[in-house]
Amino acid sequence: MDLVELLPSLYFLRFPVGHVYLWRDPDGLTLIDSGVPGSAPLIADAVRTLGHAPSDVRRLVLTHFHEDHTGSAADIAAWGDVTVCAHRDDAPFVRGEAAGPAPILSGWEQELWDHVHADMPHVPAPPVRVDRELDDGDTLGFGGGARVLAVPGHTPGSLALHLPEQGVLFTGDTIARAPDGQVILGVFNADPPAAVASLVRQAALDVEIACFGHGEPVTKGASRLIADTAARLTG
């Protein structure tokens, strides 16, 4: 795991699969996603490297229910006074009350799916409580007011977070970045047409930095790159 500063308040925790982001406010820390099962000790190390204790984490926002994003959520939720947040349409899957829908895989995605899952721990994500079920338009108390966007398609309750004052977008797996740097539609979608519509919605935002669940963040001119991707998908 690598710890990369994107802004004085924003840090990228680069994992082989399922990245994590950390936002630092004077009154505490917010984590966006939790990585695969077993990631919590590495995340705690990153928190300490920044001069904080794990108990300084006040909020964990889960962008969707997949195990490479919720895998260490139960461990992090036990660090202290942590509010676990997820969209209400994915909350039952996060809590382990129901099984979420499987993705609809195209031919090339099946090969990628097999390759990715061969490298992931064969341990399911432990269920975790959801303290706050989110809806489109909700605001979270970090980064000057993070706005919740419902962006279904990858999963029914996928969400993105937009920090208008900071020009930052957290996309979860709704958008990704390929190894060659190209911004692309996220793969492994349960509802591919809805996933495209959700990317198009995010393309209308004014953001400089885009933080993806998979692939390197864009740190300059993110709006243009996402809009270019939307044009390719809908043109």
C-alpha atoms as a PDB file:
ATOM      1  CA  MET A   1       0.000   0.000   0.000  1.00  0.00           C
ATOM      2  CA  ASP A   2       1.268   3.484  -0.933  1.00  0.00           C
ATOM      3  CA  LEU A   3       0.177   6.734   0.715  1.00  0.00           C
ATOM      4  CA  VAL A   4       0.005   9.646  -1.740  1.00  0.00           C
ATOM      5  CA  GLU A   5      -0.944  13.242  -0.948  1.00  0.00           C
ATOM      6  CA  LEU A   6      -3.298  14.708  -3.559  1.00  0.00           C
ATOM      7  CA  LEU A   7      -4.176  17.840  -1.577  1.00  0.00           C
ATOM      8  CA  PRO A   8      -3.177  18.955   1.909  1.00  0.00           C
ATOM      9  CA  SER A   9      -6.440  17.401   3.132  1.00  0.00           C
ATOM     10  CA  LEU A  10      -6.769  14.519   0.650  1.00  0.00           C
ATOM     11  CA  TYR A  11      -4.757  11.298   0.561  1.00  0.00           C
ATOM     12  CA  PHE A  12      -4.793   8.347  -1.815  1.00  0.00           C
ATOM     13  CA  LEU A  13      -4.160   4.910  -0.295  1.00  0.00           C
ATOM     14  CA  ARG A  14      -3.104   2.859  -3.299  1.00  0.00           C
ATOM     15  CA  PHE A  15      -3.890  -0.841  -3.002  1.00  0.00           C
ATOM     16  CA  PRO A  16      -3.441  -3.573  -5.628  1.00  0.00           C
ATOM     17  CA  VAL A  17      -7.243  -3.900  -5.757  1.00  0.00           C
ATOM     18  CA  GLY A  18      -9.790  -1.453  -4.353  1.00  0.00           C
ATOM     19  CA  HIS A  19      -8.264   1.918  -3.482  1.00  0.00           C
ATOM     20  CA  VAL A  20      -9.071   3.876  -0.322  1.00  0.00           C
ATOM     21  CA  TYR A  21      -9.169   7.663   0.118  1.00  0.00           C
ATOM     22  CA  LEU A  22      -8.746   9.714   3.278  1.00  0.00           C
ATOM     23  CA  TRP A  23      -9.981  13.249   3.868  1.00  0.00           C
ATOM     24  CA  ARG A  24      -8.582  15.171   6.811  1.00  0.00           C
ATOM     25  CA  ASP A  25     -10.593  17.904   8.565  1.00  0.00           C
ATOM     26  CA  PRO A  26      -9.621  19.633  11.827  1.00  0.00           C
ATOM     27  CA  ASP A  27     -12.307  17.711  13.714  1.00  0.00           C
ATOM     28  CA  GLY A  28     -11.445  14.250  12.374  1.00  0.00           C
ATOM     29  CA  LEU A  29     -10.910  11.964   9.422  1.00  0.00           C
ATOM     30  CA  THR A  30     -13.199  10.545   6.759  1.00  0.00           C
ATOM     31  CA  LEU A  31     -12.392   7.349   4.866  1.00  0.00           C
ATOM     32  CA  ILE A  32     -13.950   6.582   1.495  1.00  0.00           C
ATOM     33  CA  ASP A  33     -14.082   2.784   1.154  1.00  0.00           C
ATOM     34  CA  SER A  34     -12.104   0.225   3.123  1.00  0.00           C
ATOM     35  CA  GLY A  35     -10.327  -2.078   0.682  1.00  0.00           C
ATOM     36  CA  VAL A  36     -10.370  -5.867   0.625  1.00  0.00           C
ATOM     37  CA  PRO A  37     -10.572  -7.951   3.821  1.00  0.00           C
ATOM     38  CA  GLY A  38      -7.375  -7.593   5.818  1.00  0.00           C
ATOM     39  CA  SER A  39      -6.638  -3.999   4.743  1.00  0.00           C
ATOM     40  CA  ALA A  40      -7.447  -2.356   8.088  1.00  0.00           C
ATOM     41  CA  PRO A  41      -3.921  -2.643   9.590  1.00  0.00           C
ATOM     42  CA  LEU A  42      -2.410  -0.933   6.545  1.00  0.00           C
ATOM     43  CA  ILE A  43      -5.036   1.800   6.651  1.00  0.00           C
ATOM     44  CA  ALA A  44      -4.336   2.286  10.364  1.00  0.00           C
ATOM     45  CA  ASP A  45      -0.617   2.602   9.575  1.00  0.00           C
ATOM     46  CA  ALA A  46      -1.399   5.306   7.013  1.00  0.00           C
ATOM     47  CA  VAL A  47      -3.516   7.170   9.560  1.00  0.00           C
ATOM     48  CA  ARG A  48      -0.641   7.073  12.055  1.00  0.00           C
ATOM     49  CA  THR A  49       1.830   8.228   9.395  1.00  0.00           C
ATOM     50  CA  LEU A  50      -0.272  11.375   9.059  1.00  0.00           C
ATOM     51  CA  GLY A  51       0.009  11.995  12.811  1.00  0.00           C
ATOM     52  CA  HIS A  52      -3.413  10.695  13.775  1.00  0.00           C
ATOM     53  CA  ALA A  53      -4.770   7.721  15.679  1.00  0.00           C
ATOM     54  CA  PRO A  54      -7.273   5.271  14.157  1.00  0.00           C
ATOM     55  CA  SER A  55      -9.779   6.575  16.711  1.00  0.00           C
ATOM     56  CA  ASP A  56      -9.650   9.932  14.864  1.00  0.00           C
ATOM     57  CA  VAL A  57     -11.687   8.396  12.024  1.00  0.00           C
ATOM     58  CA  ARG A  58     -15.168   9.847  12.354  1.00  0.00           C
ATOM     59  CA  ARG A  59     -16.791   8.613   9.161  1.00  0.00           C
ATOM     60  CA  LEU A  60     -16.499   5.699   6.729  1.00  0.00           C
ATOM     61  CA  VAL A  61     -18.362   6.145   3.447  1.00  0.00           C
ATOM     62  CA  LEU A  62     -18.870   2.991   1.375  1.00  0.00           C
ATOM     63  CA  THR A  63     -19.396   3.725  -2.303  1.00  0.00           C
ATOM     64  CA  HIS A  64     -21.016   0.316  -2.877  1.00  0.00           C
ATOM     65  CA  PHE A  65     -21.268  -3.163  -1.418  1.00  0.00           C
ATOM     66  CA  HIS A  66     -18.534  -5.064  -3.286  1.00  0.00           C
ATOM     67  CA  GLU A  67     -15.969  -6.804  -1.086  1.00  0.00           C
ATOM     68  CA  ASP A  68     -12.975  -4.870  -2.405  1.00  0.00           C
ATOM     69  CA  HIS A  69     -14.622  -1.730  -0.978  1.00  0.00           C
ATOM     70  CA  THR A  70     -16.339  -3.056   2.156  1.00  0.00           C
ATOM     71  CA  GLY A  71     -13.846  -5.793   3.050  1.00  0.00           C
ATOM     72  CA  SER A  72     -12.315  -4.023   6.057  1.00  0.00           C
ATOM     73  CA  ALA A  73     -15.321  -1.906   7.011  1.00  0.00           C
ATOM     74  CA  ALA A  74     -16.213  -4.004  10.068  1.00  0.00           C
ATOM     75  CA  ASP A  75     -12.681  -3.625  11.432  1.00  0.00           C
ATOM     76  CA  ILE A  76     -12.659   0.143  10.867  1.00  0.00           C
ATOM     77  CA  ALA A  77     -16.122   0.521  12.391  1.00  0.00           C
ATOM     78  CA  ALA A  78     -14.685  -0.857  15.640  1.00  0.00           C
ATOM     79  CA  TRP A  79     -11.928   1.764  15.883  1.00  0.00           C
ATOM     80  CA  GLY A  80     -14.101   4.193  17.847  1.00  0.00           C
ATOM     81  CA  ASP A  81     -16.904   6.644  17.165  1.00  0.00           C
ATOM     82  CA  VAL A  82     -17.154   5.871  13.448  1.00  0.00           C
ATOM     83  CA  THR A  83     -20.318   6.572  11.469  1.00  0.00           C
ATOM     84  CA  VAL A  84     -20.634   4.025   8.649  1.00  0.00           C
ATOM     85  CA  CYS A  85     -22.481   5.435   5.633  1.00  0.00           C
ATOM     86  CA  ALA A  86     -23.847   3.721   2.514  1.00  0.00           C
ATOM     87  CA  HIS A  87     -26.617   4.368   0.030  1.00  0.00           C
ATOM     88  CA  ARG A  88     -29.889   2.909   1.196  1.00  0.00           C
ATOM     89  CA  ASP A  89     -30.191   0.671  -1.890  1.00  0.00           C
ATOM     90  CA  ASP A  90     -26.896  -1.089  -1.095  1.00  0.00           C
ATOM     91  CA  ALA A  91     -27.266  -0.992   2.697  1.00  0.00           C
ATOM     92  CA  PRO A  92     -28.967  -4.423   2.963  1.00  0.00           C
ATOM     93  CA  PHE A  93     -26.061  -5.992   1.048  1.00  0.00           C
ATOM     94  CA  VAL A  94     -23.484  -4.218   3.224  1.00  0.00           C
ATOM     95  CA  ARG A  95     -25.242  -5.493   6.359  1.00  0.00           C
ATOM     96  CA  GLY A  96     -25.354  -9.024   4.976  1.00  0.00           C
ATOM     97  CA  GLU A  97     -29.151  -9.147   4.948  1.00  0.00           C
ATOM     98  CA  ALA A  98     -29.325 -10.055   1.259  1.00  0.00           C
ATOM     99  CA  ALA A  99     -27.041 -10.953  -1.633  1.00  0.00           C
ATOM    100  CA  GLY A 100     -26.416  -8.159  -4.096  1.00  0.00           C
ATOM    101  CA  PRO A 101     -26.950  -8.603  -7.826  1.00  0.00           C
ATOM    102  CA  ALA A 102     -24.223 -10.124  -9.956  1.00  0.00           C
ATOM    103  CA  PRO A 103     -22.683  -8.113 -12.794  1.00  0.00           C
ATOM    104  CA  ILE A 104     -23.622  -8.603 -16.419  1.00  0.00           C
ATOM    105  CA  LEU A 105     -20.308  -9.429 -18.054  1.00  0.00           C
ATOM    106  CA  SER A 106     -19.407  -8.913 -21.693  1.00  0.00           C
ATOM    107  CA  GLY A 107     -16.996 -11.404 -23.263  1.00  0.00           C
ATOM    108  CA  TRP A 108     -13.829  -9.426 -22.514  1.00  0.00           C
ATOM    109  CA  GLU A 109     -15.045  -8.590 -19.014  1.00  0.00           C
ATOM    110  CA  GLN A 110     -15.301 -12.279 -18.113  1.00  0.00           C
ATOM    111  CA  GLU A 111     -11.581 -12.744 -18.709  1.00  0.00           C
ATOM    112  CA  LEU A 112     -10.789  -9.629 -16.673  1.00  0.00           C
ATOM    113  CA  TRP A 113     -13.151 -10.782 -13.907  1.00  0.00           C
ATOM    114  CA  ASP A 114     -11.337 -14.116 -13.659  1.00  0.00           C
ATOM    115  CA  HIS A 115      -7.941 -12.399 -13.575  1.00  0.00           C
ATOM    116  CA  VAL A 116      -8.921  -9.844 -10.922  1.00  0.00           C
ATOM    117  CA  HIS A 117     -10.581 -12.347  -8.625  1.00  0.00           C
ATOM    118  CA  ALA A 118      -7.643 -14.724  -8.857  1.00  0.00           C
ATOM    119  CA  ASP A 119      -5.579 -12.045  -7.075  1.00  0.00           C
ATOM    120  CA  MET A 120      -8.156 -11.205  -4.397  1.00  0.00           C
ATOM    121  CA  PRO A 121      -8.339 -12.850  -0.966  1.00  0.00           C
ATOM    122  CA  HIS A 122     -10.838 -15.695  -0.995  1.00  0.00           C
ATOM    123  CA  VAL A 123     -12.501 -14.252   2.086  1.00  0.00           C
ATOM    124  CA  PRO A 124     -15.954 -12.667   1.931  1.00  0.00           C
ATOM    125  CA  ALA A 125     -16.412  -9.200   3.359  1.00  0.00           C
ATOM    126  CA  PRO A 126     -17.789  -9.473   6.906  1.00  0.00           C
ATOM    127  CA  PRO A 127     -21.178  -7.786   7.282  1.00  0.00           C
ATOM    128  CA  VAL A 128     -21.013  -4.354   8.852  1.00  0.00           C
ATOM    129  CA  ARG A 129     -23.607  -2.061  10.345  1.00  0.00           C
ATOM    130  CA  VAL A 130     -24.794   0.965   8.383  1.00  0.00           C
ATOM    131  CA  ASP A 131     -25.347   3.891  10.727  1.00  0.00           C
ATOM    132  CA  ARG A 132     -26.580   6.304   8.075  1.00  0.00           C
ATOM    133  CA  GLU A 133     -28.419   5.332   4.909  1.00  0.00           C
ATOM    134  CA  LEU A 134     -27.798   7.939   2.248  1.00  0.00           C
ATOM    135  CA  ASP A 135     -29.981   9.332  -0.508  1.00  0.00           C
ATOM    136  CA  ASP A 136     -29.264  11.438  -3.555  1.00  0.00           C
ATOM    137  CA  GLY A 137     -28.665  15.047  -2.551  1.00  0.00           C
ATOM    138  CA  ASP A 138     -27.683  14.350   1.050  1.00  0.00           C
ATOM    139  CA  THR A 139     -24.751  16.301   2.460  1.00  0.00           C
ATOM    140  CA  LEU A 140     -21.978  14.890   4.625  1.00  0.00           C
ATOM    141  CA  GLY A 141     -20.020  16.987   7.093  1.00  0.00           C
ATOM    142  CA  PHE A 142     -16.539  16.862   5.604  1.00  0.00           C
ATOM    143  CA  GLY A 143     -14.617  18.758   2.965  1.00  0.00           C
ATOM    144  CA  GLY A 144     -16.838  21.808   3.257  1.00  0.00           C
ATOM    145  CA  GLY A 145     -19.961  19.746   2.620  1.00  0.00           C
ATOM    146  CA  ALA A 146     -19.718  16.619   0.507  1.00  0.00           C
ATOM    147  CA  ARG A 147     -22.757  16.100  -1.707  1.00  0.00           C
ATOM    148  CA  VAL A 148     -24.042  12.561  -2.236  1.00  0.00           C
ATOM    149  CA  LEU A 149     -24.931  11.531  -5.784  1.00  0.00           C
ATOM    150  CA  ALA A 150     -26.895   8.371  -6.446  1.00  0.00           C
ATOM    151  CA  VAL A 151     -25.137   6.786  -9.443  1.00  0.00           C
ATOM    152  CA  PRO A 152     -26.714   3.337  -9.909  1.00  0.00           C
ATOM    153  CA  GLY A 153     -25.598   0.841 -12.497  1.00  0.00           C
ATOM    154  CA  HIS A 154     -22.443  -0.682 -11.098  1.00  0.00           C
ATOM    155  CA  THR A 155     -24.638  -1.720  -8.169  1.00  0.00           C
ATOM    156  CA  PRO A 156     -28.169  -0.548  -7.324  1.00  0.00           C
ATOM    157  CA  GLY A 157     -26.882   1.710  -4.560  1.00  0.00           C
ATOM    158  CA  SER A 158     -23.596   2.954  -5.934  1.00  0.00           C
ATOM    159  CA  LEU A 159     -22.849   6.495  -4.841  1.00  0.00           C
ATOM    160  CA  ALA A 160     -20.399   9.239  -5.714  1.00  0.00           C
ATOM    161  CA  LEU A 161     -19.281  12.115  -3.517  1.00  0.00           C
ATOM    162  CA  HIS A 162     -18.810  15.617  -4.871  1.00  0.00           C
ATOM    163  CA  LEU A 163     -16.917  18.283  -2.921  1.00  0.00           C
ATOM    164  CA  PRO A 164     -17.896  21.460  -4.815  1.00  0.00           C
ATOM    165  CA  GLU A 165     -15.674  23.812  -2.804  1.00  0.00           C
ATOM    166  CA  GLN A 166     -12.652  21.595  -3.391  1.00  0.00           C
ATOM    167  CA  GLY A 167     -13.356  20.481  -6.964  1.00  0.00           C
ATOM    168  CA  VAL A 168     -13.077  16.810  -5.973  1.00  0.00           C
ATOM    169  CA  LEU A 169     -15.163  13.824  -7.069  1.00  0.00           C
ATOM    170  CA  PHE A 170     -15.063  10.333  -5.574  1.00  0.00           C
ATOM    171  CA  THR A 171     -16.586   7.976  -8.138  1.00  0.00           C
ATOM    172  CA  GLY A 172     -16.333   4.562  -6.512  1.00  0.00           C
ATOM    173  CA  ASP A 173     -16.402   2.042  -9.353  1.00  0.00           C
ATOM    174  CA  THR A 174     -18.783   3.977 -11.596  1.00  0.00           C
ATOM    175  CA  ILE A 175     -15.770   5.445 -13.435  1.00  0.00           C
ATOM    176  CA  ALA A 176     -12.258   4.019 -13.590  1.00  0.00           C
ATOM    177  CA  ARG A 177      -8.879   4.736 -15.120  1.00  0.00           C
ATOM    178  CA  ALA A 178      -7.115   2.229 -17.324  1.00  0.00           C
ATOM    179  CA  PRO A 179      -3.394   1.472 -16.992  1.00  0.00           C
ATOM    180  CA  ASP A 180      -2.736   3.635 -20.069  1.00  0.00           C
ATOM    181  CA  GLY A 181      -4.318   6.614 -18.274  1.00  0.00           C
ATOM    182  CA  GLN A 182      -7.595   6.691 -20.183  1.00  0.00           C
ATOM    183  CA  VAL A 183     -10.704   7.438 -18.128  1.00  0.00           C
ATOM    184  CA  ILE A 184     -13.288   4.709 -18.781  1.00  0.00           C
ATOM    185  CA  LEU A 185     -16.663   3.469 -17.658  1.00  0.00           C
ATOM    186  CA  GLY A 186     -16.245   1.209 -14.646  1.00  0.00           C
ATOM    187  CA  VAL A 187     -16.484  -2.493 -15.422  1.00  0.00           C
ATOM    188  CA  PHE A 188     -18.553  -5.356 -13.952  1.00  0.00           C
ATOM    189  CA  ASN A 189     -21.858  -3.479 -13.932  1.00  0.00           C
ATOM    190  CA  ALA A 190     -25.140  -4.974 -12.774  1.00  0.00           C
ATOM    191  CA  ASP A 191     -27.089  -2.602 -15.050  1.00  0.00           C
ATOM    192  CA  PRO A 192     -24.846  -1.398 -17.904  1.00  0.00           C
ATOM    193  CA  PRO A 193     -27.251   1.216 -19.385  1.00  0.00           C
ATOM    194  CA  ALA A 194     -27.785   2.760 -15.943  1.00  0.00           C
ATOM    195  CA  ALA A 195     -24.008   2.783 -15.430  1.00  0.00           C
ATOM    196  CA  VAL A 196     -23.551   4.833 -18.605  1.00  0.00           C
ATOM    197  CA  ALA A 197     -26.262   7.280 -17.502  1.00  0.00           C
ATOM    198  CA  SER A 198     -24.532   7.674 -14.139  1.00  0.00           C
ATOM    199  CA  LEU A 199     -21.215   8.475 -15.798  1.00  0.00           C
ATOM    200  CA  VAL A 200     -22.935  11.051 -17.986  1.00  0.00           C
ATOM    201  CA  ARG A 201     -24.407  12.656 -14.875  1.00  0.00           C
ATOM    202  CA  GLN A 202     -20.986  12.942 -13.280  1.00  0.00           C
ATOM    203  CA  ALA A 203     -19.537  14.380 -16.496  1.00  0.00           C
ATOM    204  CA  ALA A 204     -21.638  17.500 -15.922  1.00  0.00           C
ATOM    205  CA  LEU A 205     -19.834  18.336 -12.669  1.00  0.00           C
ATOM    206  CA  ASP A 206     -17.071  20.903 -12.404  1.00  0.00           C
ATOM    207  CA  VAL A 207     -14.167  18.979 -10.851  1.00  0.00           C
ATOM    208  CA  GLU A 208     -10.411  19.179 -11.046  1.00  0.00           C
ATOM    209  CA  ILE A 209      -9.626  15.935  -9.193  1.00  0.00           C
ATOM    210  CA  ALA A 210     -11.367  12.586  -9.709  1.00  0.00           C
ATOM    211  CA  CYS A 211     -10.708   9.713  -7.317  1.00  0.00           C
ATOM    212  CA  PHE A 212     -11.512   6.240  -8.639  1.00  0.00           C
ATOM    213  CA  GLY A 213     -11.865   2.898  -6.917  1.00  0.00           C
ATOM    214  CA  HIS A 214      -9.621   1.378  -9.581  1.00  0.00           C
ATOM    215  CA  GLY A 215      -6.863   3.182 -11.428  1.00  0.00           C
ATOM    216  CA  GLU A 216      -4.834   6.273 -10.642  1.00  0.00           C
ATOM    217  CA  PRO A 217      -6.664   9.475  -9.679  1.00  0.00           C
ATOM    218  CA  VAL A 218      -6.857  12.348 -12.131  1.00  0.00           C
ATOM    219  CA  THR A 219      -5.334  15.368 -10.411  1.00  0.00           C
ATOM    220  CA  LYS A 220      -5.917  18.028 -13.056  1.00  0.00           C
ATOM    221  CA  GLY A 221      -8.689  18.664 -15.554  1.00  0.00           C
ATOM    222  CA  ALA A 222     -10.879  15.749 -14.486  1.00  0.00           C
ATOM    223  CA  SER A 223     -14.115  17.272 -15.829  1.00  0.00           C
ATOM    224  CA  ARG A 224     -12.804  17.337 -19.377  1.00  0.00           C
ATOM    225  CA  LEU A 225     -11.593  13.757 -19.284  1.00  0.00           C
ATOM    226  CA  ILE A 226     -14.860  12.451 -17.859  1.00  0.00           C
ATOM    227  CA  ALA A 227     -16.841  14.478 -20.397  1.00  0.00           C
ATOM    228  CA  ASP A 228     -14.722  13.006 -23.205  1.00  0.00           C
ATOM    229  CA  THR A 229     -15.554   9.524 -21.929  1.00  0.00           C
ATOM    230  CA  ALA A 230     -19.257  10.365 -21.788  1.00  0.00           C
ATOM    231  CA  ALA A 231     -19.114  11.599 -25.381  1.00  0.00           C
ATOM    232  CA  ARG A 232     -17.475   8.374 -26.556  1.00  0.00           C
ATOM    233  CA  LEU A 233     -20.137   6.279 -24.825  1.00  0.00           C
ATOM    234  CA  THR A 234     -23.120   8.259 -26.104  1.00  0.00           C
ATOM    235  CA  GLY A 235     -21.909   9.559 -29.455  1.00  0.00           C
END
